Amino acid sequence: MNQSIFRVGSYFTARITRIEPPLEAAFVDYGAERHGFLPLSDINGYDKSLHKEGSIVIVCISKEENGQKGALVFSPLNADSNVVVHDLIGINTKSSSPIVLFALCSIAIVIIAIVVVTST
């Protein structure tokens, strides 16, 4: 991975992987080697019911990775239109669980069968 994009001021799409209430922080996967550290107070518009494990947020690096520690990041309400937001976690290409995919395929097959039967 090109480490030069993981610098202060860079924006990324991130997935909340873990919330640590005692630390009042979340850990986020934004595509770097280590997960970023996101204080809950640094999530603009933080809502406990919306911001949970698996939620997608936009983050900006405020302090780069150092040794064994991941980057310190914050989450603005939204990024300016002229800012590049890197998507290294592939939120648009990650597949759902196999059960969900099976259910969706089954529904599609049933719909196709109904269309074929009713049109003949």
Protein backbone atom coordinates (compact mmCIF):
# COMPACT_ATOMS: atom_id res chain seq x y z
CA MET A 1 0.00 0.00 0.00
CA ASN A 2 1.23 3.49 -0.82
CA GLN A 3 2.05 4.90 2.63
CA SER A 4 2.31 8.46 1.28
CA ILE A 5 -1.47 8.87 1.30
CA PHE A 6 -1.64 8.18 5.05
CA ARG A 7 -0.61 11.66 6.11
CA VAL A 8 -2.15 14.40 8.20
CA GLY A 9 -5.08 15.98 6.40
CA SER A 10 -5.93 12.97 4.22
CA TYR A 11 -9.58 11.86 4.17
CA PHE A 12 -10.81 8.26 4.07
CA THR A 13 -13.99 6.26 4.12
CA ALA A 14 -13.82 4.15 7.28
CA ARG A 15 -15.78 1.41 9.01
CA ILE A 16 -16.16 1.44 12.79
CA THR A 17 -14.75 -1.91 13.91
CA ARG A 18 -14.90 -1.54 17.68
CA ILE A 19 -16.25 0.91 20.23
CA GLU A 20 -14.52 1.14 23.60
CA PRO A 21 -16.85 2.92 26.07
CA PRO A 22 -14.17 3.20 28.82
CA LEU A 23 -11.93 5.06 26.36
CA GLU A 24 -14.88 6.97 24.89
CA ALA A 25 -13.43 6.09 21.49
CA ALA A 26 -13.87 3.90 18.46
CA PHE A 27 -11.37 2.06 16.33
CA VAL A 28 -11.87 2.41 12.58
CA ASP A 29 -10.60 0.52 9.55
CA TYR A 30 -9.69 3.02 6.85
CA GLY A 31 -7.25 0.88 4.86
CA ALA A 32 -3.99 1.46 6.74
CA GLU A 33 -1.96 -1.28 8.45
CA ARG A 34 -3.37 -0.34 11.86
CA HIS A 35 -6.84 0.81 12.71
CA GLY A 36 -7.32 4.48 13.47
CA PHE A 37 -8.24 5.80 16.90
CA LEU A 38 -11.36 7.96 16.79
CA PRO A 39 -12.46 9.70 20.00
CA LEU A 40 -16.26 9.71 20.11
CA SER A 41 -16.14 13.44 20.87
CA ASP A 42 -14.39 13.90 17.49
CA ILE A 43 -17.34 12.49 15.54
CA ASN A 44 -19.22 15.55 14.36
CA GLY A 45 -22.89 14.86 15.06
CA TYR A 46 -22.15 11.75 17.15
CA ASP A 47 -25.26 9.67 17.84
CA LYS A 48 -24.93 6.45 19.82
CA SER A 49 -27.76 4.82 17.85
CA LEU A 50 -26.20 5.68 14.46
CA HIS A 51 -22.49 5.32 15.16
CA LYS A 52 -22.01 1.67 16.10
CA GLU A 53 -19.80 -1.22 14.98
CA GLY A 54 -20.07 -1.64 11.22
CA SER A 55 -21.14 1.97 10.58
CA ILE A 56 -19.41 3.88 7.80
CA VAL A 57 -17.90 7.29 8.54
CA ILE A 58 -15.57 9.71 6.80
CA VAL A 59 -12.38 10.34 8.76
CA CYS A 60 -9.45 12.68 8.45
CA ILE A 61 -6.00 11.94 9.87
CA SER A 62 -4.99 14.42 12.55
CA LYS A 63 -1.88 12.52 13.76
CA GLU A 64 -0.09 9.86 11.72
CA GLU A 65 0.62 6.28 12.84
CA ASN A 66 3.57 6.06 15.23
CA GLY A 67 5.24 2.78 16.10
CA GLN A 68 2.58 0.36 17.32
CA LYS A 69 -0.11 3.03 17.55
CA GLY A 70 -2.58 3.67 14.76
CA ALA A 71 -3.35 7.15 13.50
CA LEU A 72 -5.47 9.58 15.45
CA VAL A 73 -8.43 10.54 13.28
CA PHE A 74 -11.51 12.73 13.52
CA SER A 75 -14.80 12.57 11.66
CA PRO A 76 -16.14 15.77 10.15
CA LEU A 77 -19.85 16.08 9.40
CA ASN A 78 -18.93 15.90 5.71
CA ALA A 79 -15.93 16.56 3.50
CA ASP A 80 -15.69 19.60 1.26
CA SER A 81 -16.52 18.89 -2.38
CA ASN A 82 -12.92 19.66 -3.44
CA VAL A 83 -11.42 17.07 -1.02
CA VAL A 84 -10.42 13.61 -2.22
CA VAL A 85 -11.89 10.92 0.04
CA HIS A 86 -9.94 7.68 -0.35
CA ASP A 87 -11.98 4.46 -0.19
CA LEU A 88 -9.49 1.72 0.62
CA ILE A 89 -11.91 -0.52 2.50
CA GLY A 90 -14.06 -1.13 -0.57
CA ILE A 91 -17.46 -0.35 0.93
CA ASN A 92 -19.03 -0.60 -2.51
CA THR A 93 -17.48 -3.96 -3.34
CA LYS A 94 -17.66 -5.88 -0.08
CA SER A 95 -20.19 -8.67 -0.27
CA SER A 96 -22.83 -9.22 2.35
CA SER A 97 -23.01 -12.32 4.43
CA PRO A 98 -23.62 -15.55 2.50
CA ILE A 99 -27.07 -15.88 4.06
CA VAL A 100 -28.13 -12.45 2.82
CA LEU A 101 -26.76 -13.16 -0.67
CA PHE A 102 -28.57 -16.52 -0.75
CA ALA A 103 -31.84 -14.87 0.33
CA LEU A 104 -31.53 -12.14 -2.33
CA CYS A 105 -30.76 -14.70 -5.06
CA SER A 106 -33.72 -16.82 -3.97
CA ILE A 107 -36.05 -13.84 -4.12
CA ALA A 108 -34.76 -12.92 -7.58
CA ILE A 109 -35.34 -16.49 -8.83
CA VAL A 110 -38.90 -16.52 -7.46
CA ILE A 111 -39.68 -13.16 -9.11
CA ILE A 112 -38.30 -14.37 -12.44
CA ALA A 113 -40.33 -17.57 -12.18
CA ILE A 114 -43.51 -15.60 -11.47
CA VAL A 115 -42.89 -13.31 -14.44
CA VAL A 116 -42.26 -16.29 -16.74
CA VAL A 117 -45.35 -18.21 -15.54
CA THR A 118 -47.68 -15.19 -15.77
CA SER A 119 -46.46 -14.18 -19.21
CA THR A 120 -47.10 -17.59 -20.79
